[in-house]
């Protein structure tokens, strides 16, 4: 279920939008992020993030197991994101007034919740 929708102006990375929003999430709630949110542990507690590999430091077996375990949990989140991307607003350039942009995304989130929570 989608609980909150945050929007930024123009081309802005999701992590930057999250940082600037100062969204208050209770510290007991487990939060799962993909590898694009590496510094999120500085902002929020109780976070799970996939471990990145580099050329100099490949992933060890334990890290791969951790990433697989996290991916199995995150697949549900990715499926919700796919359901959102079905709507044309996520594919086309938005040409309306920016003040309505967040409202429209909230409506899309409500439609996804309505359709897939029953």
N, C-alpha and C. Protein backbone atom coordinates (compact mmCIF):
# COMPACT_ATOMS: atom_id res chain seq x y z
N UNK A 1 0.84 -1.18 0.00
CA UNK A 1 0.00 0.00 0.00
C UNK A 1 0.89 1.25 0.00
N UNK A 2 0.55 2.21 -0.80
CA UNK A 2 1.31 3.45 -0.89
C UNK A 2 0.81 4.39 0.20
N UNK A 3 1.71 4.84 1.06
CA UNK A 3 1.33 5.70 2.17
C UNK A 3 1.64 7.16 1.93
N UNK A 4 2.68 7.43 1.14
CA UNK A 4 3.09 8.81 0.93
C UNK A 4 3.69 8.97 -0.46
N UNK A 5 3.45 10.13 -1.07
CA UNK A 5 4.02 10.45 -2.38
C UNK A 5 4.75 11.79 -2.25
N UNK A 6 6.02 11.80 -2.63
CA UNK A 6 6.82 13.03 -2.60
C UNK A 6 7.21 13.39 -4.02
N UNK A 7 7.08 14.65 -4.38
CA UNK A 7 7.41 15.11 -5.72
C UNK A 7 8.41 16.26 -5.64
N UNK A 8 9.30 16.32 -6.62
CA UNK A 8 10.25 17.42 -6.72
C UNK A 8 10.08 18.13 -8.04
N UNK A 9 10.77 19.25 -8.18
CA UNK A 9 10.69 20.01 -9.42
C UNK A 9 11.78 19.55 -10.37
N UNK A 10 11.39 19.26 -11.59
CA UNK A 10 12.36 18.90 -12.62
C UNK A 10 12.99 17.55 -12.40
N UNK A 11 14.18 17.40 -12.93
CA UNK A 11 14.92 16.15 -12.84
C UNK A 11 15.70 16.14 -11.53
N UNK A 12 15.22 15.41 -10.57
CA UNK A 12 15.83 15.38 -9.25
C UNK A 12 15.89 13.93 -8.78
N UNK A 13 17.01 13.52 -8.19
CA UNK A 13 17.14 12.14 -7.72
C UNK A 13 16.20 11.90 -6.54
N UNK A 14 15.70 10.69 -6.46
CA UNK A 14 14.74 10.34 -5.40
C UNK A 14 15.33 10.54 -4.01
N UNK A 15 16.60 10.23 -3.84
CA UNK A 15 17.23 10.38 -2.52
C UNK A 15 17.30 11.84 -2.10
N UNK A 16 17.56 12.73 -3.06
CA UNK A 16 17.61 14.16 -2.76
C UNK A 16 16.22 14.66 -2.34
N UNK A 17 15.18 14.17 -3.02
CA UNK A 17 13.81 14.54 -2.65
C UNK A 17 13.50 14.05 -1.24
N UNK A 18 13.91 12.84 -0.93
CA UNK A 18 13.68 12.28 0.40
C UNK A 18 14.41 13.09 1.46
N UNK A 19 15.67 13.47 1.20
CA UNK A 19 16.44 14.26 2.16
C UNK A 19 15.81 15.63 2.39
N UNK A 20 15.40 16.29 1.32
CA UNK A 20 14.84 17.63 1.43
C UNK A 20 13.46 17.64 2.08
N UNK A 21 12.73 16.53 1.98
CA UNK A 21 11.37 16.48 2.53
C UNK A 21 11.38 16.36 4.04
N UNK A 22 12.46 15.80 4.61
CA UNK A 22 12.55 15.56 6.06
C UNK A 22 11.34 14.79 6.55
N UNK A 23 10.97 13.77 5.79
CA UNK A 23 9.83 12.92 6.10
C UNK A 23 10.09 12.20 7.42
N UNK A 24 9.16 12.33 8.36
CA UNK A 24 9.30 11.71 9.67
C UNK A 24 8.76 10.28 9.62
N UNK A 25 9.67 9.32 9.73
CA UNK A 25 9.30 7.92 9.76
C UNK A 25 9.75 7.37 11.10
N UNK A 26 8.85 6.71 11.82
CA UNK A 26 9.17 6.21 13.15
C UNK A 26 10.38 5.27 13.10
N UNK A 27 11.24 5.35 14.11
CA UNK A 27 12.49 4.58 14.08
C UNK A 27 12.28 3.08 14.25
N UNK A 28 11.13 2.63 14.74
CA UNK A 28 10.88 1.19 14.88
C UNK A 28 10.46 0.53 13.57
N UNK A 29 10.04 1.31 12.60
CA UNK A 29 9.59 0.76 11.32
C UNK A 29 10.81 0.37 10.49
N UNK A 30 10.80 -0.86 9.96
CA UNK A 30 11.89 -1.30 9.09
C UNK A 30 11.72 -0.65 7.72
N UNK A 31 12.81 -0.10 7.21
CA UNK A 31 12.79 0.57 5.92
C UNK A 31 13.73 -0.17 4.97
N UNK A 32 13.25 -0.41 3.77
CA UNK A 32 14.03 -1.15 2.78
C UNK A 32 14.31 -0.23 1.59
N UNK A 33 15.58 -0.08 1.23
CA UNK A 33 15.97 0.81 0.14
C UNK A 33 16.83 0.04 -0.86
N UNK A 34 16.83 0.51 -2.10
CA UNK A 34 17.73 -0.09 -3.08
C UNK A 34 19.09 0.60 -3.00
N UNK A 35 20.01 0.22 -3.87
CA UNK A 35 21.38 0.69 -3.75
C UNK A 35 21.57 2.17 -4.08
N UNK A 36 20.56 2.85 -4.60
CA UNK A 36 20.65 4.27 -4.89
C UNK A 36 20.55 5.14 -3.64
N UNK A 37 20.27 4.54 -2.51
CA UNK A 37 20.08 5.27 -1.25
C UNK A 37 21.16 4.91 -0.24
N UNK A 38 22.43 4.88 -0.64
CA UNK A 38 23.51 4.39 0.21
C UNK A 38 23.68 5.19 1.51
N UNK A 39 23.45 6.48 1.51
CA UNK A 39 23.67 7.30 2.70
C UNK A 39 22.41 7.50 3.54
N UNK A 40 21.38 6.72 3.30
CA UNK A 40 20.12 6.90 4.02
C UNK A 40 20.26 6.55 5.50
N UNK A 41 21.24 5.74 5.85
CA UNK A 41 21.42 5.36 7.25
C UNK A 41 21.85 6.55 8.11
N UNK A 42 22.35 7.60 7.48
CA UNK A 42 22.69 8.82 8.22
C UNK A 42 21.43 9.59 8.62
N UNK A 43 20.34 9.39 7.90
CA UNK A 43 19.09 10.11 8.15
C UNK A 43 18.12 9.28 8.98
N UNK A 44 17.97 8.00 8.61
CA UNK A 44 16.99 7.12 9.25
C UNK A 44 17.66 5.93 9.91
N UNK A 45 17.02 5.43 10.96
CA UNK A 45 17.49 4.23 11.63
C UNK A 45 16.69 3.03 11.13
N UNK A 46 17.20 1.84 11.41
CA UNK A 46 16.50 0.59 11.10
C UNK A 46 16.28 0.44 9.59
N UNK A 47 17.35 0.68 8.80
CA UNK A 47 17.28 0.60 7.34
C UNK A 47 17.99 -0.65 6.84
N UNK A 48 17.47 -1.21 5.76
CA UNK A 48 18.11 -2.31 5.06
C UNK A 48 18.46 -1.82 3.66
N UNK A 49 19.75 -1.95 3.30
CA UNK A 49 20.22 -1.49 2.00
C UNK A 49 21.04 -2.60 1.37
N UNK A 50 20.91 -2.78 0.07
CA UNK A 50 21.73 -3.78 -0.61
C UNK A 50 23.18 -3.30 -0.65
N UNK A 51 24.08 -4.26 -0.62
CA UNK A 51 25.51 -3.96 -0.58
C UNK A 51 26.03 -3.90 -2.01
N UNK A 52 26.77 -2.83 -2.31
CA UNK A 52 27.32 -2.66 -3.65
C UNK A 52 28.70 -3.31 -3.75
N UNK A 53 29.00 -3.80 -4.94
CA UNK A 53 30.34 -4.32 -5.18
C UNK A 53 31.12 -3.32 -6.04
N UNK A 54 32.42 -3.41 -5.98
CA UNK A 54 33.27 -2.58 -6.83
C UNK A 54 34.26 -3.50 -7.54
N UNK A 55 35.03 -2.93 -8.45
CA UNK A 55 36.04 -3.73 -9.14
C UNK A 55 37.10 -4.23 -8.16
N UNK A 56 37.45 -3.38 -7.21
CA UNK A 56 38.49 -3.73 -6.25
C UNK A 56 37.97 -4.62 -5.12
N UNK A 57 36.68 -4.52 -4.84
CA UNK A 57 36.11 -5.29 -3.73
C UNK A 57 34.83 -6.00 -4.19
N UNK A 58 34.96 -7.18 -4.77
CA UNK A 58 33.76 -7.92 -5.17
C UNK A 58 33.00 -8.42 -3.94
N UNK A 59 31.74 -8.74 -4.14
CA UNK A 59 30.91 -9.21 -3.04
C UNK A 59 31.33 -10.60 -2.59
N UNK A 60 31.34 -10.79 -1.27
CA UNK A 60 31.60 -12.13 -0.74
C UNK A 60 30.28 -12.88 -0.65
N UNK A 61 30.34 -14.14 -0.31
CA UNK A 61 29.16 -15.00 -0.30
C UNK A 61 28.08 -14.47 0.66
N UNK A 62 28.49 -14.00 1.83
CA UNK A 62 27.52 -13.48 2.82
C UNK A 62 26.80 -12.24 2.30
N UNK A 63 27.54 -11.36 1.60
CA UNK A 63 26.94 -10.15 1.04
C UNK A 63 25.93 -10.49 -0.05
N UNK A 64 26.26 -11.48 -0.89
CA UNK A 64 25.33 -11.91 -1.92
C UNK A 64 24.06 -12.51 -1.32
N UNK A 65 24.21 -13.28 -0.24
CA UNK A 65 23.04 -13.83 0.45
C UNK A 65 22.18 -12.72 1.03
N UNK A 66 22.84 -11.70 1.60
CA UNK A 66 22.11 -10.54 2.15
C UNK A 66 21.32 -9.83 1.05
N UNK A 67 21.97 -9.61 -0.10
CA UNK A 67 21.31 -8.93 -1.21
C UNK A 67 20.14 -9.75 -1.75
N UNK A 68 20.30 -11.06 -1.83
CA UNK A 68 19.22 -11.93 -2.30
C UNK A 68 18.04 -11.89 -1.34
N UNK A 69 18.33 -11.97 -0.06
CA UNK A 69 17.27 -11.91 0.96
C UNK A 69 16.51 -10.59 0.89
N UNK A 70 17.25 -9.50 0.72
CA UNK A 70 16.62 -8.19 0.62
C UNK A 70 15.83 -8.05 -0.67
N UNK A 71 16.34 -8.61 -1.77
CA UNK A 71 15.63 -8.54 -3.05
C UNK A 71 14.30 -9.30 -2.99
N UNK A 72 14.27 -10.39 -2.25
CA UNK A 72 13.02 -11.14 -2.09
C UNK A 72 11.97 -10.32 -1.35
N UNK A 73 12.42 -9.50 -0.41
CA UNK A 73 11.49 -8.62 0.30
C UNK A 73 11.06 -7.45 -0.58
N UNK A 74 12.02 -6.91 -1.34
CA UNK A 74 11.75 -5.71 -2.14
C UNK A 74 10.94 -5.99 -3.41
N UNK A 75 10.80 -7.23 -3.80
CA UNK A 75 10.07 -7.54 -5.03
C UNK A 75 8.64 -7.03 -4.95
N UNK A 76 8.05 -7.04 -3.76
CA UNK A 76 6.70 -6.53 -3.60
C UNK A 76 6.65 -5.02 -3.83
N UNK A 77 7.69 -4.32 -3.37
CA UNK A 77 7.78 -2.88 -3.58
C UNK A 77 7.94 -2.58 -5.06
N UNK A 78 8.79 -3.34 -5.73
CA UNK A 78 9.01 -3.14 -7.16
C UNK A 78 7.74 -3.42 -7.96
N UNK A 79 6.94 -4.37 -7.52
CA UNK A 79 5.68 -4.65 -8.21
C UNK A 79 4.70 -3.50 -8.06
N UNK A 80 4.68 -2.84 -6.91
CA UNK A 80 3.84 -1.66 -6.73
C UNK A 80 4.31 -0.53 -7.64
N UNK A 81 5.62 -0.35 -7.74
CA UNK A 81 6.16 0.67 -8.64
C UNK A 81 5.76 0.38 -10.08
N UNK A 82 5.77 -0.89 -10.48
CA UNK A 82 5.33 -1.26 -11.83
C UNK A 82 3.87 -0.90 -12.04
N UNK A 83 3.05 -1.12 -11.03
CA UNK A 83 1.63 -0.78 -11.15
C UNK A 83 1.43 0.72 -11.34
N UNK A 84 2.27 1.51 -10.71
CA UNK A 84 2.19 2.97 -10.86
C UNK A 84 2.60 3.37 -12.27
N UNK A 85 3.62 2.72 -12.80
CA UNK A 85 4.15 3.08 -14.12
C UNK A 85 3.19 2.75 -15.26
N UNK A 86 2.13 2.01 -14.97
CA UNK A 86 1.13 1.72 -15.98
C UNK A 86 0.41 3.01 -16.39
N UNK A 87 0.25 3.94 -15.45
CA UNK A 87 -0.45 5.19 -15.72
C UNK A 87 0.38 6.07 -16.64
N UNK A 88 -0.28 6.73 -17.56
CA UNK A 88 0.36 7.51 -18.62
C UNK A 88 1.16 8.69 -18.07
N UNK A 89 0.80 9.20 -16.89
CA UNK A 89 1.51 10.36 -16.33
C UNK A 89 2.98 10.03 -16.06
N UNK A 90 3.27 8.77 -15.78
CA UNK A 90 4.66 8.42 -15.50
C UNK A 90 5.48 8.24 -16.78
N UNK A 91 4.83 8.16 -17.93
CA UNK A 91 5.52 7.94 -19.20
C UNK A 91 5.70 9.22 -20.01
N UNK A 92 4.78 10.13 -19.88
CA UNK A 92 4.79 11.34 -20.70
C UNK A 92 5.35 12.53 -19.92
N UNK A 93 5.68 13.58 -20.63
CA UNK A 93 6.10 14.83 -20.01
C UNK A 93 4.86 15.52 -19.45
N UNK A 94 4.93 15.88 -18.16
CA UNK A 94 3.79 16.54 -17.53
C UNK A 94 3.73 17.99 -17.99
N UNK A 95 2.59 18.41 -18.53
CA UNK A 95 2.47 19.75 -19.09
C UNK A 95 1.49 20.63 -18.31
N UNK A 96 1.00 20.12 -17.20
CA UNK A 96 0.06 20.91 -16.39
C UNK A 96 0.79 21.82 -15.43
N UNK A 97 0.03 22.46 -14.53
CA UNK A 97 0.61 23.34 -13.53
C UNK A 97 1.31 22.50 -12.47
N UNK A 98 2.49 22.98 -12.05
CA UNK A 98 3.28 22.20 -11.11
C UNK A 98 2.59 22.06 -9.76
N UNK A 99 1.78 23.01 -9.38
CA UNK A 99 1.10 22.93 -8.08
C UNK A 99 0.14 21.74 -8.04
N UNK A 100 -0.30 21.26 -9.20
CA UNK A 100 -1.21 20.11 -9.26
C UNK A 100 -0.48 18.78 -9.41
N UNK A 101 0.81 18.81 -9.63
CA UNK A 101 1.58 17.60 -9.91
C UNK A 101 1.51 16.61 -8.75
N UNK A 102 1.75 17.08 -7.54
CA UNK A 102 1.69 16.21 -6.36
C UNK A 102 0.29 15.66 -6.13
N UNK A 103 -0.71 16.48 -6.39
CA UNK A 103 -2.10 16.03 -6.22
C UNK A 103 -2.42 14.89 -7.19
N UNK A 104 -1.95 15.02 -8.42
CA UNK A 104 -2.21 13.98 -9.42
C UNK A 104 -1.52 12.68 -9.03
N UNK A 105 -0.30 12.77 -8.52
CA UNK A 105 0.40 11.55 -8.08
C UNK A 105 -0.30 10.92 -6.89
N UNK A 106 -0.87 11.73 -6.01
CA UNK A 106 -1.64 11.18 -4.89
C UNK A 106 -2.88 10.45 -5.40
N UNK A 107 -3.50 10.95 -6.44
CA UNK A 107 -4.66 10.28 -7.03
C UNK A 107 -4.23 8.95 -7.66
N UNK A 108 -3.10 8.94 -8.36
CA UNK A 108 -2.59 7.70 -8.95
C UNK A 108 -2.32 6.68 -7.83
N UNK A 109 -1.70 7.14 -6.74
CA UNK A 109 -1.41 6.24 -5.62
C UNK A 109 -2.70 5.69 -5.02
N UNK A 110 -3.72 6.54 -4.90
CA UNK A 110 -5.00 6.09 -4.36
C UNK A 110 -5.66 5.06 -5.28
N UNK A 111 -5.56 5.26 -6.60
CA UNK A 111 -6.11 4.29 -7.54
C UNK A 111 -5.39 2.95 -7.47
N UNK A 112 -4.07 2.99 -7.34
CA UNK A 112 -3.30 1.75 -7.20
C UNK A 112 -3.69 1.05 -5.90
N UNK A 113 -3.80 1.81 -4.82
CA UNK A 113 -4.22 1.23 -3.54
C UNK A 113 -5.61 0.62 -3.65
N UNK A 114 -6.50 1.33 -4.29
CA UNK A 114 -7.89 0.86 -4.41
C UNK A 114 -7.96 -0.42 -5.23
N UNK A 115 -7.21 -0.46 -6.31
CA UNK A 115 -7.28 -1.61 -7.21
C UNK A 115 -6.62 -2.85 -6.63
N UNK A 116 -5.49 -2.69 -5.96
CA UNK A 116 -4.69 -3.85 -5.60
C UNK A 116 -4.72 -4.22 -4.11
N UNK A 117 -5.43 -3.50 -3.28
CA UNK A 117 -5.52 -3.88 -1.88
C UNK A 117 -6.74 -4.74 -1.61
N UNK A 118 -7.64 -4.83 -2.54
CA UNK A 118 -8.85 -5.65 -2.34
C UNK A 118 -8.58 -7.09 -2.68
